[in-house]
PDB file of N, CA and C in Angstrom:
ATOM      1  N   UNK A   1     111.172 276.795 115.251  1.00  0.00           N
ATOM      2  CA  UNK A   1     109.871 277.330 115.431  1.00  0.00           C
ATOM      3  C   UNK A   1     109.412 277.914 114.111  1.00  0.00           C
ATOM      4  N   UNK A   2     108.145 278.199 113.975  1.00  0.00           N
ATOM      5  CA  UNK A   2     107.746 278.897 112.772  1.00  0.00           C
ATOM      6  C   UNK A   2     106.726 278.151 111.955  1.00  0.00           C
ATOM      7  N   UNK A   3     107.162 277.739 110.790  1.00  0.00           N
ATOM      8  CA  UNK A   3     106.214 277.210 109.818  1.00  0.00           C
ATOM      9  C   UNK A   3     105.944 275.734 110.035  1.00  0.00           C
ATOM     10  N   UNK A   4     104.736 275.431 110.492  1.00  0.00           N
ATOM     11  CA  UNK A   4     104.297 274.052 110.635  1.00  0.00           C
ATOM     12  C   UNK A   4     103.419 273.732 109.441  1.00  0.00           C
ATOM     13  N   UNK A   5     103.725 272.662 108.694  1.00  0.00           N
ATOM     14  CA  UNK A   5     102.897 272.346 107.535  1.00  0.00           C
ATOM     15  C   UNK A   5     101.481 271.984 107.980  1.00  0.00           C
ATOM     16  N   UNK A   6     100.506 272.460 107.224  1.00  0.00           N
ATOM     17  CA  UNK A   6      99.106 272.169 107.520  1.00  0.00           C
ATOM     18  C   UNK A   6      98.713 270.910 106.763  1.00  0.00           C
ATOM     19  N   UNK A   7      98.177 269.941 107.469  1.00  0.00           N
ATOM     20  CA  UNK A   7      97.689 268.712 106.855  1.00  0.00           C
ATOM     21  C   UNK A   7      96.221 268.558 107.194  1.00  0.00           C
ATOM     22  N   UNK A   8      95.598 267.544 106.626  1.00  0.00           N
ATOM     23  CA  UNK A   8      94.179 267.314 106.900  1.00  0.00           C
ATOM     24  C   UNK A   8      93.935 266.921 108.350  1.00  0.00           C
ATOM     25  N   UNK A   9      94.968 266.519 109.088  1.00  0.00           N
ATOM     26  CA  UNK A   9      94.780 266.134 110.483  1.00  0.00           C
ATOM     27  C   UNK A   9      95.243 267.216 111.451  1.00  0.00           C
ATOM     28  N   UNK A  10      95.759 268.325 110.930  1.00  0.00           N
ATOM     29  CA  UNK A  10      96.179 269.428 111.788  1.00  0.00           C
ATOM     30  C   UNK A  10      94.947 270.069 112.416  1.00  0.00           C
ATOM     31  N   UNK A  11      94.958 270.340 113.732  1.00  0.00           N
ATOM     32  CA  UNK A  11      93.791 270.983 114.349  1.00  0.00           C
ATOM     33  C   UNK A  11      93.511 272.332 113.696  1.00  0.00           C
ATOM     34  N   UNK A  12      92.231 272.690 113.583  1.00  0.00           N
ATOM     35  CA  UNK A  12      91.886 273.933 112.901  1.00  0.00           C
ATOM     36  C   UNK A  12      92.341 275.165 113.669  1.00  0.00           C
ATOM     37  N   UNK A  13      92.771 276.164 112.934  1.00  0.00           N
ATOM     38  CA  UNK A  13      93.141 277.459 113.496  1.00  0.00           C
ATOM     39  C   UNK A  13      92.067 278.444 113.043  1.00  0.00           C
ATOM     40  N   UNK A  14      91.647 279.312 113.934  1.00  0.00           N
ATOM     41  CA  UNK A  14      90.579 280.262 113.612  1.00  0.00           C
ATOM     42  C   UNK A  14      91.047 281.239 112.542  1.00  0.00           C
ATOM     43  N   UNK A  15      90.528 281.084 111.316  1.00  0.00           N
ATOM     44  CA  UNK A  15      90.892 281.957 110.210  1.00  0.00           C
ATOM     45  C   UNK A  15      89.666 282.498 109.490  1.00  0.00           C
ATOM     46  N   UNK A  16      88.516 282.396 110.104  1.00  0.00           N
ATOM     47  CA  UNK A  16      87.284 282.809 109.437  1.00  0.00           C
ATOM     48  C   UNK A  16      87.256 284.305 109.179  1.00  0.00           C
ATOM     49  N   UNK A  17      86.683 284.668 108.044  1.00  0.00           N
ATOM     50  CA  UNK A  17      86.486 286.071 107.713  1.00  0.00           C
ATOM     51  C   UNK A  17      85.033 286.474 107.905  1.00  0.00           C
ATOM     52  N   UNK A  18      84.147 285.498 108.096  1.00  0.00           N
ATOM     53  CA  UNK A  18      82.716 285.748 108.293  1.00  0.00           C
ATOM     54  C   UNK A  18      82.275 285.112 109.606  1.00  0.00           C
ATOM     55  N   UNK A  19      81.238 285.679 110.205  1.00  0.00           N
ATOM     56  CA  UNK A  19      80.682 285.088 111.417  1.00  0.00           C
ATOM     57  C   UNK A  19      80.087 283.728 111.104  1.00  0.00           C
ATOM     58  N   UNK A  20      80.209 282.822 112.056  1.00  0.00           N
ATOM     59  CA  UNK A  20      79.601 281.512 111.877  1.00  0.00           C
ATOM     60  C   UNK A  20      78.372 281.401 112.764  1.00  0.00           C
ATOM     61  N   UNK A  21      77.475 280.523 112.362  1.00  0.00           N
ATOM     62  CA  UNK A  21      76.251 280.277 113.120  1.00  0.00           C
ATOM     63  C   UNK A  21      76.116 278.790 113.364  1.00  0.00           C
ATOM     64  N   UNK A  22      75.650 278.464 114.562  1.00  0.00           N
ATOM     65  CA  UNK A  22      75.423 277.057 114.878  1.00  0.00           C
ATOM     66  C   UNK A  22      74.303 276.511 114.017  1.00  0.00           C
ATOM     67  N   UNK A  23      74.390 275.230 113.711  1.00  0.00           N
ATOM     68  CA  UNK A  23      73.376 274.590 112.874  1.00  0.00           C
ATOM     69  C   UNK A  23      73.267 273.123 113.257  1.00  0.00           C
ATOM     70  N   UNK A  24      72.210 272.520 112.847  1.00  0.00           N
ATOM     71  CA  UNK A  24      72.029 271.081 113.015  1.00  0.00           C
ATOM     72  C   UNK A  24      71.198 270.588 111.833  1.00  0.00           C
ATOM     73  N   UNK A  25      71.806 270.638 110.645  1.00  0.00           N
ATOM     74  CA  UNK A  25      71.141 270.219 109.422  1.00  0.00           C
ATOM     75  C   UNK A  25      71.717 268.890 108.968  1.00  0.00           C
ATOM     76  N   UNK A  26      70.879 268.086 108.362  1.00  0.00           N
ATOM     77  CA  UNK A  26      71.357 266.885 107.700  1.00  0.00           C
ATOM     78  C   UNK A  26      71.807 267.247 106.301  1.00  0.00           C
ATOM     79  N   UNK A  27      72.823 266.585 105.824  1.00  0.00           N
ATOM     80  CA  UNK A  27      73.320 266.853 104.480  1.00  0.00           C
ATOM     81  C   UNK A  27      73.905 265.604 103.865  1.00  0.00           C
ATOM     82  N   UNK A  28      74.261 265.712 102.605  1.00  0.00           N
ATOM     83  CA  UNK A  28      74.939 264.619 101.923  1.00  0.00           C
ATOM     84  C   UNK A  28      76.132 265.179 101.160  1.00  0.00           C
ATOM     85  N   UNK A  29      77.170 264.366 101.074  1.00  0.00           N
ATOM     86  CA  UNK A  29      78.368 264.720 100.320  1.00  0.00           C
ATOM     87  C   UNK A  29      78.449 263.819  99.101  1.00  0.00           C
ATOM     88  N   UNK A  30      78.606 264.425  97.952  1.00  0.00           N
ATOM     89  CA  UNK A  30      78.867 263.652  96.746  1.00  0.00           C
ATOM     90  C   UNK A  30      80.366 263.700  96.539  1.00  0.00           C
ATOM     91  N   UNK A  31      80.994 262.531  96.681  1.00  0.00           N
ATOM     92  CA  UNK A  31      82.449 262.508  96.617  1.00  0.00           C
ATOM     93  C   UNK A  31      82.973 262.032  95.267  1.00  0.00           C
ATOM     94  N   UNK A  32      82.149 261.291  94.528  1.00  0.00           N
ATOM     95  CA  UNK A  32      82.524 260.848  93.183  1.00  0.00           C
ATOM     96  C   UNK A  32      81.255 260.414  92.456  1.00  0.00           C
ATOM     97  N   UNK A  33      81.272 260.529  91.146  1.00  0.00           N
ATOM     98  CA  UNK A  33      80.084 260.215  90.357  1.00  0.00           C
ATOM     99  C   UNK A  33      79.672 258.753  90.495  1.00  0.00           C
ATOM    100  N   UNK A  34      80.616 257.865  90.697  1.00  0.00           N
ATOM    101  CA  UNK A  34      80.324 256.441  90.724  1.00  0.00           C
ATOM    102  C   UNK A  34      80.165 255.876  92.137  1.00  0.00           C
ATOM    103  N   UNK A  35      80.273 256.700  93.158  1.00  0.00           N
ATOM    104  CA  UNK A  35      80.128 256.250  94.543  1.00  0.00           C
ATOM    105  C   UNK A  35      78.836 256.789  95.143  1.00  0.00           C
ATOM    106  N   UNK A  36      78.262 256.056  96.118  1.00  0.00           N
ATOM    107  CA  UNK A  36      77.049 256.573  96.767  1.00  0.00           C
ATOM    108  C   UNK A  36      77.360 257.826  97.583  1.00  0.00           C
ATOM    109  N   UNK A  37      76.330 258.646  97.778  1.00  0.00           N
ATOM    110  CA  UNK A  37      76.501 259.852  98.588  1.00  0.00           C
ATOM    111  C   UNK A  37      76.732 259.464 100.043  1.00  0.00           C
ATOM    112  N   UNK A  38      77.453 260.318 100.770  1.00  0.00           N
ATOM    113  CA  UNK A  38      77.792 260.082 102.172  1.00  0.00           C
ATOM    114  C   UNK A  38      76.974 261.047 103.028  1.00  0.00           C
ATOM    115  N   UNK A  39      76.304 260.517 104.044  1.00  0.00           N
ATOM    116  CA  UNK A  39      75.527 261.377 104.934  1.00  0.00           C
ATOM    117  C   UNK A  39      76.452 262.135 105.876  1.00  0.00           C
ATOM    118  N   UNK A  40      76.049 263.370 106.201  1.00  0.00           N
ATOM    119  CA  UNK A  40      76.805 264.180 107.146  1.00  0.00           C
ATOM    120  C   UNK A  40      75.832 265.050 107.928  1.00  0.00           C
ATOM    121  N   UNK A  41      76.341 265.708 108.950  1.00  0.00           N
ATOM    122  CA  UNK A  41      75.539 266.634 109.757  1.00  0.00           C
ATOM    123  C   UNK A  41      76.300 267.944 109.830  1.00  0.00           C
ATOM    124  N   UNK A  42      75.647 269.053 109.465  1.00  0.00           N
ATOM    125  CA  UNK A  42      76.258 270.377 109.559  1.00  0.00           C
ATOM    126  C   UNK A  42      76.128 270.869 110.986  1.00  0.00           C
ATOM    127  N   UNK A  43      77.238 271.283 111.589  1.00  0.00           N
ATOM    128  CA  UNK A  43      77.224 271.750 112.975  1.00  0.00           C
ATOM    129  C   UNK A  43      77.319 273.255 113.082  1.00  0.00           C
ATOM    130  N   UNK A  44      77.989 273.900 112.158  1.00  0.00           N
ATOM    131  CA  UNK A  44      77.945 275.359 112.070  1.00  0.00           C
ATOM    132  C   UNK A  44      78.250 275.765 110.633  1.00  0.00           C
ATOM    133  N   UNK A  45      77.865 276.987 110.281  1.00  0.00           N
ATOM    134  CA  UNK A  45      78.065 277.447 108.914  1.00  0.00           C
ATOM    135  C   UNK A  45      78.271 278.954 108.885  1.00  0.00           C
ATOM    136  N   UNK A  46      78.862 279.406 107.805  1.00  0.00           N
ATOM    137  CA  UNK A  46      79.047 280.836 107.546  1.00  0.00           C
ATOM    138  C   UNK A  46      78.864 281.039 106.048  1.00  0.00           C
ATOM    139  N   UNK A  47      79.073 282.246 105.577  1.00  0.00           N
ATOM    140  CA  UNK A  47      78.963 282.505 104.147  1.00  0.00           C
ATOM    141  C   UNK A  47      80.070 281.821 103.356  1.00  0.00           C
ATOM    142  N   UNK A  48      81.175 281.500 104.029  1.00  0.00           N
ATOM    143  CA  UNK A  48      82.333 280.967 103.316  1.00  0.00           C
ATOM    144  C   UNK A  48      82.594 279.484 103.545  1.00  0.00           C
ATOM    145  N   UNK A  49      81.882 278.840 104.479  1.00  0.00           N
ATOM    146  CA  UNK A  49      82.130 277.430 104.721  1.00  0.00           C
ATOM    147  C   UNK A  49      81.264 276.832 105.805  1.00  0.00           C
ATOM    148  N   UNK A  50      81.522 275.552 106.099  1.00  0.00           N
ATOM    149  CA  UNK A  50      80.760 274.815 107.108  1.00  0.00           C
ATOM    150  C   UNK A  50      81.681 273.881 107.878  1.00  0.00           C
ATOM    151  N   UNK A  51      81.212 273.483 109.066  1.00  0.00           N
ATOM    152  CA  UNK A  51      81.854 272.398 109.820  1.00  0.00           C
ATOM    153  C   UNK A  51      80.865 271.253 109.819  1.00  0.00           C
ATOM    154  N   UNK A  52      81.315 270.079 109.407  1.00  0.00           N
ATOM    155  CA  UNK A  52      80.435 268.922 109.328  1.00  0.00           C
ATOM    156  C   UNK A  52      80.933 267.807 110.230  1.00  0.00           C
ATOM    157  N   UNK A  53      80.034 266.878 110.520  1.00  0.00           N
ATOM    158  CA  UNK A  53      80.366 265.657 111.245  1.00  0.00           C
ATOM    159  C   UNK A  53      80.031 264.495 110.321  1.00  0.00           C
ATOM    160  N   UNK A  54      80.992 263.598 110.142  1.00  0.00           N
ATOM    161  CA  UNK A  54      80.806 262.421 109.291  1.00  0.00           C
ATOM    162  C   UNK A  54      81.398 261.215 109.994  1.00  0.00           C
ATOM    163  N   UNK A  55      81.127 260.035 109.464  1.00  0.00           N
ATOM    164  CA  UNK A  55      81.714 258.816 110.010  1.00  0.00           C
ATOM    165  C   UNK A  55      83.232 258.879 109.855  1.00  0.00           C
ATOM    166  N   UNK A  56      83.930 258.397 110.865  1.00  0.00           N
ATOM    167  CA  UNK A  56      85.394 258.505 110.874  1.00  0.00           C
ATOM    168  C   UNK A  56      86.054 257.699 109.761  1.00  0.00           C
ATOM    169  N   UNK A  57      85.394 256.627 109.314  1.00  0.00           N
ATOM    170  CA  UNK A  57      86.008 255.776 108.293  1.00  0.00           C
ATOM    171  C   UNK A  57      85.783 256.268 106.861  1.00  0.00           C
ATOM    172  N   UNK A  58      85.059 257.370 106.686  1.00  0.00           N
ATOM    173  CA  UNK A  58      84.812 257.911 105.345  1.00  0.00           C
ATOM    174  C   UNK A  58      86.075 258.602 104.834  1.00  0.00           C
ATOM    175  N   UNK A  59      86.497 258.217 103.643  1.00  0.00           N
ATOM    176  CA  UNK A  59      87.648 258.847 103.002  1.00  0.00           C
ATOM    177  C   UNK A  59      87.121 259.966 102.110  1.00  0.00           C
ATOM    178  N   UNK A  60      87.601 261.175 102.357  1.00  0.00           N
ATOM    179  CA  UNK A  60      87.129 262.333 101.601  1.00  0.00           C
ATOM    180  C   UNK A  60      88.173 262.790 100.596  1.00  0.00           C
ATOM    181  N   UNK A  61      87.742 263.126  99.377  1.00  0.00           N
ATOM    182  CA  UNK A  61      88.668 263.746  98.429  1.00  0.00           C
ATOM    183  C   UNK A  61      88.870 265.207  98.811  1.00  0.00           C
ATOM    184  N   UNK A  62      89.659 265.919  98.074  1.00  0.00           N
ATOM    185  CA  UNK A  62      89.936 267.328  98.373  1.00  0.00           C
ATOM    186  C   UNK A  62      88.719 268.217  98.114  1.00  0.00           C
ATOM    187  N   UNK A  63      87.894 267.873  97.104  1.00  0.00           N
ATOM    188  CA  UNK A  63      86.722 268.674  96.735  1.00  0.00           C
ATOM    189  C   UNK A  63      85.480 267.785  96.727  1.00  0.00           C
ATOM    190  N   UNK A  64      84.379 268.287  97.294  1.00  0.00           N
ATOM    191  CA  UNK A  64      83.111 267.554  97.361  1.00  0.00           C
ATOM    192  C   UNK A  64      81.960 268.488  96.983  1.00  0.00           C
ATOM    193  N   UNK A  65      80.812 267.899  96.694  1.00  0.00           N
ATOM    194  CA  UNK A  65      79.574 268.659  96.523  1.00  0.00           C
ATOM    195  C   UNK A  65      78.719 268.394  97.752  1.00  0.00           C
ATOM    196  N   UNK A  66      78.386 269.447  98.485  1.00  0.00           N
ATOM    197  CA  UNK A  66      77.586 269.353  99.704  1.00  0.00           C
ATOM    198  C   UNK A  66      76.155 269.750  99.382  1.00  0.00           C
ATOM    199  N   UNK A  67      75.203 268.855  99.677  1.00  0.00           N
ATOM    200  CA  UNK A  67      73.785 269.142  99.468  1.00  0.00           C
ATOM    201  C   UNK A  67      73.093 269.198 100.810  1.00  0.00           C
ATOM    202  N   UNK A  68      72.345 270.283 101.034  1.00  0.00           N
ATOM    203  CA  UNK A  68      71.536 270.446 102.239  1.00  0.00           C
ATOM    204  C   UNK A  68      70.090 270.525 101.760  1.00  0.00           C
ATOM    205  N   UNK A  69      69.364 269.414 101.893  1.00  0.00           N
ATOM    206  CA  UNK A  69      68.021 269.312 101.329  1.00  0.00           C
ATOM    207  C   UNK A  69      67.048 270.307 101.954  1.00  0.00           C
ATOM    208  N   UNK A  70      67.118 270.519 103.270  1.00  0.00           N
ATOM    209  CA  UNK A  70      66.155 271.411 103.925  1.00  0.00           C
ATOM    210  C   UNK A  70      66.325 272.862 103.485  1.00  0.00           C
ATOM    211  N   UNK A  71      67.481 273.207 102.939  1.00  0.00           N
ATOM    212  CA  UNK A  71      67.711 274.570 102.430  1.00  0.00           C
ATOM    213  C   UNK A  71      67.705 274.613 100.904  1.00  0.00           C
ATOM    214  N   UNK A  72      67.519 273.441 100.299  1.00  0.00           N
ATOM    215  CA  UNK A  72      67.475 273.326  98.844  1.00  0.00           C
ATOM    216  C   UNK A  72      68.727 273.926  98.203  1.00  0.00           C
ATOM    217  N   UNK A  73      69.905 273.550  98.739  1.00  0.00           N
ATOM    218  CA  UNK A  73      71.175 274.092  98.254  1.00  0.00           C
ATOM    219  C   UNK A  73      72.185 272.980  98.019  1.00  0.00           C
ATOM    220  N   UNK A  74      72.956 273.146  96.982  1.00  0.00           N
ATOM    221  CA  UNK A  74      74.121 272.303  96.729  1.00  0.00           C
ATOM    222  C   UNK A  74      75.286 273.239  96.465  1.00  0.00           C
ATOM    223  N   UNK A  75      76.384 273.019  97.171  1.00  0.00           N
ATOM    224  CA  UNK A  75      77.571 273.876  97.029  1.00  0.00           C
ATOM    225  C   UNK A  75      78.805 272.997  96.850  1.00  0.00           C
ATOM    226  N   UNK A  76      79.702 273.429  96.001  1.00  0.00           N
ATOM    227  CA  UNK A  76      80.996 272.767  95.855  1.00  0.00           C
ATOM    228  C   UNK A  76      81.914 273.324  96.928  1.00  0.00           C
ATOM    229  N   UNK A  77      82.640 272.433  97.608  1.00  0.00           N
ATOM    230  CA  UNK A  77      83.481 272.862  98.723  1.00  0.00           C
ATOM    231  C   UNK A  77      84.779 272.072  98.745  1.00  0.00           C
ATOM    232  N   UNK A  78      85.785 272.697  99.336  1.00  0.00           N
ATOM    233  CA  UNK A  78      87.096 272.073  99.510  1.00  0.00           C
ATOM    234  C   UNK A  78      87.267 271.706 100.977  1.00  0.00           C
ATOM    235  N   UNK A  79      87.793 270.504 101.229  1.00  0.00           N
ATOM    236  CA  UNK A  79      88.088 270.084 102.596  1.00  0.00           C
ATOM    237  C   UNK A  79      89.355 270.821 103.027  1.00  0.00           C
ATOM    238  N   UNK A  80      89.260 271.654 104.072  1.00  0.00           N
ATOM    239  CA  UNK A  80      90.432 272.411 104.509  1.00  0.00           C
ATOM    240  C   UNK A  80      91.047 271.846 105.783  1.00  0.00           C
ATOM    241  N   UNK A  81      90.274 271.091 106.561  1.00  0.00           N
ATOM    242  CA  UNK A  81      90.831 270.403 107.719  1.00  0.00           C
ATOM    243  C   UNK A  81      89.922 269.237 108.076  1.00  0.00           C
ATOM    244  N   UNK A  82      90.505 268.273 108.768  1.00  0.00           N
ATOM    245  CA  UNK A  82      89.730 267.144 109.278  1.00  0.00           C
ATOM    246  C   UNK A  82      90.374 266.658 110.552  1.00  0.00           C
ATOM    247  N   UNK A  83      89.525 266.370 111.541  1.00  0.00           N
ATOM    248  CA  UNK A  83      89.983 265.839 112.817  1.00  0.00           C
ATOM    249  C   UNK A  83      88.958 264.816 113.289  1.00  0.00           C
ATOM    250  N   UNK A  84      89.273 263.538 113.124  1.00  0.00           N
ATOM    251  CA  UNK A  84      88.346 262.481 113.533  1.00  0.00           C
ATOM    252  C   UNK A  84      87.071 262.513 112.712  1.00  0.00           C
ATOM    253  N   UNK A  85      85.944 262.741 113.406  1.00  0.00           N
ATOM    254  CA  UNK A  85      84.647 262.755 112.722  1.00  0.00           C
ATOM    255  C   UNK A  85      84.253 264.138 112.220  1.00  0.00           C
ATOM    256  N   UNK A  86      85.049 265.146 112.495  1.00  0.00           N
ATOM    257  CA  UNK A  86      84.714 266.511 112.076  1.00  0.00           C
ATOM    258  C   UNK A  86      85.607 266.956 110.923  1.00  0.00           C
ATOM    259  N   UNK A  87      85.027 267.805 110.081  1.00  0.00           N
ATOM    260  CA  UNK A  87      85.789 268.353 108.954  1.00  0.00           C
ATOM    261  C   UNK A  87      85.307 269.765 108.671  1.00  0.00           C
ATOM    262  N   UNK A  88      86.231 270.601 108.222  1.00  0.00           N
ATOM    263  CA  UNK A  88      85.899 271.965 107.827  1.00  0.00           C
ATOM    264  C   UNK A  88      85.944 272.082 106.320  1.00  0.00           C
ATOM    265  N   UNK A  89      84.907 272.655 105.746  1.00  0.00           N
ATOM    266  CA  UNK A  89      84.810 272.826 104.306  1.00  0.00           C
ATOM    267  C   UNK A  89      84.734 274.306 103.969  1.00  0.00           C
ATOM    268  N   UNK A  90      85.459 274.716 102.948  1.00  0.00           N
ATOM    269  CA  UNK A  90      85.401 276.094 102.439  1.00  0.00           C
ATOM    270  C   UNK A  90      84.702 276.058 101.087  1.00  0.00           C
ATOM    271  N   UNK A  91      83.682 276.901 100.922  1.00  0.00           N
ATOM    272  CA  UNK A  91      82.963 276.946  99.656  1.00  0.00           C
ATOM    273  C   UNK A  91      83.874 277.494  98.566  1.00  0.00           C
ATOM    274  N   UNK A  92      83.770 276.912  97.378  1.00  0.00           N
ATOM    275  CA  UNK A  92      84.628 277.315  96.267  1.00  0.00           C
ATOM    276  C   UNK A  92      84.019 278.409  95.409  1.00  0.00           C
ATOM    277  N   UNK A  93      82.740 278.671  95.549  1.00  0.00           N
ATOM    278  CA  UNK A  93      82.112 279.762  94.815  1.00  0.00           C
ATOM    279  C   UNK A  93      81.302 280.593  95.787  1.00  0.00           C
ATOM    280  N   UNK A  94      80.805 281.709  95.329  1.00  0.00           N
ATOM    281  CA  UNK A  94      80.027 282.605  96.185  1.00  0.00           C
ATOM    282  C   UNK A  94      78.709 281.992  96.618  1.00  0.00           C
ATOM    283  N   UNK A  95      77.932 282.748  97.392  1.00  0.00           N
ATOM    284  CA  UNK A  95      76.636 282.255  97.847  1.00  0.00           C
ATOM    285  C   UNK A  95      75.752 281.875  96.664  1.00  0.00           C
ATOM    286  N   UNK A  96      74.907 280.854  96.827  1.00  0.00           N
ATOM    287  CA  UNK A  96      74.056 280.445  95.709  1.00  0.00           C
ATOM    288  C   UNK A  96      73.061 281.536  95.358  1.00  0.00           C
ATOM    289  N   UNK A  97      72.799 281.663  94.077  1.00  0.00           N
ATOM    290  CA  UNK A  97      71.783 282.621  93.650  1.00  0.00           C
ATOM    291  C   UNK A  97      70.422 282.089  94.049  1.00  0.00           C
ATOM    292  N   UNK A  98      69.525 282.995  94.357  1.00  0.00           N
ATOM    293  CA  UNK A  98      68.172 282.579  94.686  1.00  0.00           C
ATOM    294  C   UNK A  98      67.485 282.119  93.413  1.00  0.00           C
ATOM    295  N   UNK A  99      66.752 281.040  93.520  1.00  0.00           N
ATOM    296  CA  UNK A  99      66.042 280.502  92.377  1.00  0.00           C
ATOM    297  C   UNK A  99      64.672 281.159  92.323  1.00  0.00           C
ATOM    298  N   UNK A 100      64.369 281.744  91.194  1.00  0.00           N
ATOM    299  CA  UNK A 100      63.080 282.418  91.037  1.00  0.00           C
ATOM    300  C   UNK A 100      61.977 281.386  90.845  1.00  0.00           C
ATOM    301  N   UNK A 101      60.809 281.698  91.328  1.00  0.00           N
ATOM    302  CA  UNK A 101      59.665 280.824  91.090  1.00  0.00           C
ATOM    303  C   UNK A 101      59.277 280.941  89.628  1.00  0.00           C
ATOM    304  N   UNK A 102      58.464 280.022  89.157  1.00  0.00           N
ATOM    305  CA  UNK A 102      58.035 280.037  87.761  1.00  0.00           C
ATOM    306  C   UNK A 102      57.283 281.327  87.435  1.00  0.00           C
ATOM    307  N   UNK A 103      56.463 281.812  88.361  1.00  0.00           N
ATOM    308  CA  UNK A 103      55.702 283.047  88.135  1.00  0.00           C
ATOM    309  C   UNK A 103      56.651 284.236  88.004  1.00  0.00           C
ATOM    310  N   UNK A 104      57.672 284.316  88.890  1.00  0.00           N
ATOM    311  CA  UNK A 104      58.639 285.413  88.818  1.00  0.00           C
ATOM    312  C   UNK A 104      59.453 285.339  87.530  1.00  0.00           C
ATOM    313  N   UNK A 105      59.829 284.135  87.133  1.00  0.00           N
ATOM    314  CA  UNK A 105      60.603 283.968  85.906  1.00  0.00           C
ATOM    315  C   UNK A 105      59.785 284.403  84.695  1.00  0.00           C
ATOM    316  N   UNK A 106      58.502 284.032  84.660  1.00  0.00           N
ATOM    317  CA  UNK A 106      57.638 284.419  83.546  1.00  0.00           C
ATOM    318  C   UNK A 106      57.457 285.943  83.504  1.00  0.00           C
ATOM    319  N   UNK A 107      57.264 286.566  84.675  1.00  0.00           N
ATOM    320  CA  UNK A 107      57.100 288.021  84.734  1.00  0.00           C
ATOM    321  C   UNK A 107      58.362 288.724  84.232  1.00  0.00           C
ATOM    322  N   UNK A 108      59.533 288.231  84.610  1.00  0.00           N
ATOM    323  CA  UNK A 108      60.789 288.822  84.145  1.00  0.00           C
ATOM    324  C   UNK A 108      60.938 288.646  82.638  1.00  0.00           C
ATOM    325  N   UNK A 109      60.560 287.484  82.141  1.00  0.00           N
ATOM    326  CA  UNK A 109      60.635 287.220  80.702  1.00  0.00           C
ATOM    327  C   UNK A 109      59.716 288.169  79.942  1.00  0.00           C
ATOM    328  N   UNK A 110      58.481 288.314  80.424  1.00  0.00           N
ATOM    329  CA  UNK A 110      57.517 289.195  79.758  1.00  0.00           C
ATOM    330  C   UNK A 110      57.975 290.651  79.796  1.00  0.00           C
ATOM    331  N   UNK A 111      58.560 291.074  80.897  1.00  0.00           N
ATOM    332  CA  UNK A 111      59.021 292.458  81.022  1.00  0.00           C
ATOM    333  C   UNK A 111      60.182 292.741  80.076  1.00  0.00           C
ATOM    334  N   UNK A 112      61.014 291.747  79.820  1.00  0.00           N
ATOM    335  CA  UNK A 112      62.185 291.938  78.970  1.00  0.00           C
ATOM    336  C   UNK A 112      61.868 291.776  77.489  1.00  0.00           C
ATOM    337  N   UNK A 113      60.742 291.136  77.166  1.00  0.00           N
ATOM    338  CA  UNK A 113      60.404 290.874  75.767  1.00  0.00           C
ATOM    339  C   UNK A 113      59.880 292.140  75.095  1.00  0.00           C
ATOM    340  N   UNK A 114      60.223 292.357  73.834  1.00  0.00           N
ATOM    341  CA  UNK A 114      59.669 293.507  73.106  1.00  0.00           C
ATOM    342  C   UNK A 114      58.144 293.388  73.021  1.00  0.00           C
ATOM    343  N   UNK A 115      57.422 294.516  73.060  1.00  0.00           N
ATOM    344  CA  UNK A 115      55.959 294.458  73.080  1.00  0.00           C
ATOM    345  C   UNK A 115      55.344 293.893  71.802  1.00  0.00           C
ATOM    346  N   UNK A 116      56.062 293.932  70.684  1.00  0.00           N
ATOM    347  CA  UNK A 116      55.495 293.425  69.439  1.00  0.00           C
ATOM    348  C   UNK A 116      55.776 291.941  69.217  1.00  0.00           C
ATOM    349  N   UNK A 117      56.420 291.300  70.167  1.00  0.00           N
ATOM    350  CA  UNK A 117      56.778 289.889  70.037  1.00  0.00           C
ATOM    351  C   UNK A 117      55.759 289.020  70.748  1.00  0.00           C
ATOM    352  N   UNK A 118      55.339 287.951  70.089  1.00  0.00           N
ATOM    353  CA  UNK A 118      54.442 286.993  70.738  1.00  0.00           C
ATOM    354  C   UNK A 118      55.255 286.100  71.662  1.00  0.00           C
ATOM    355  N   UNK A 119      54.704 285.823  72.827  1.00  0.00           N
ATOM    356  CA  UNK A 119      55.395 284.925  73.755  1.00  0.00           C
ATOM    357  C   UNK A 119      54.401 284.193  74.604  1.00  0.00           C
TER     358      UNK A 119
END
């Protein structure tokens, strides 16, 4: 009894540190620079990861780039489990920084610039 090795086909064990929320977003996975992107569907998400649904015949590497167009986000993630058409991904970096609009960026630039400098 005791230590069972975890593989990509081992059923997931609840280890989340953040609350998850149900979702139904379309997304794409970039698995390699020379391969086409793979479509997926996000079924739930948290600050630290997501559960996705993909075609069962898709071979996934250990690390992918997940893009969710409706949220305008791309995150690098590690595949931590897979069971059939479902897979769990853990984000490798913190939450994405908010992108400032051009007006906000210009205002911040002007505020930081010395008053005697032309810009």
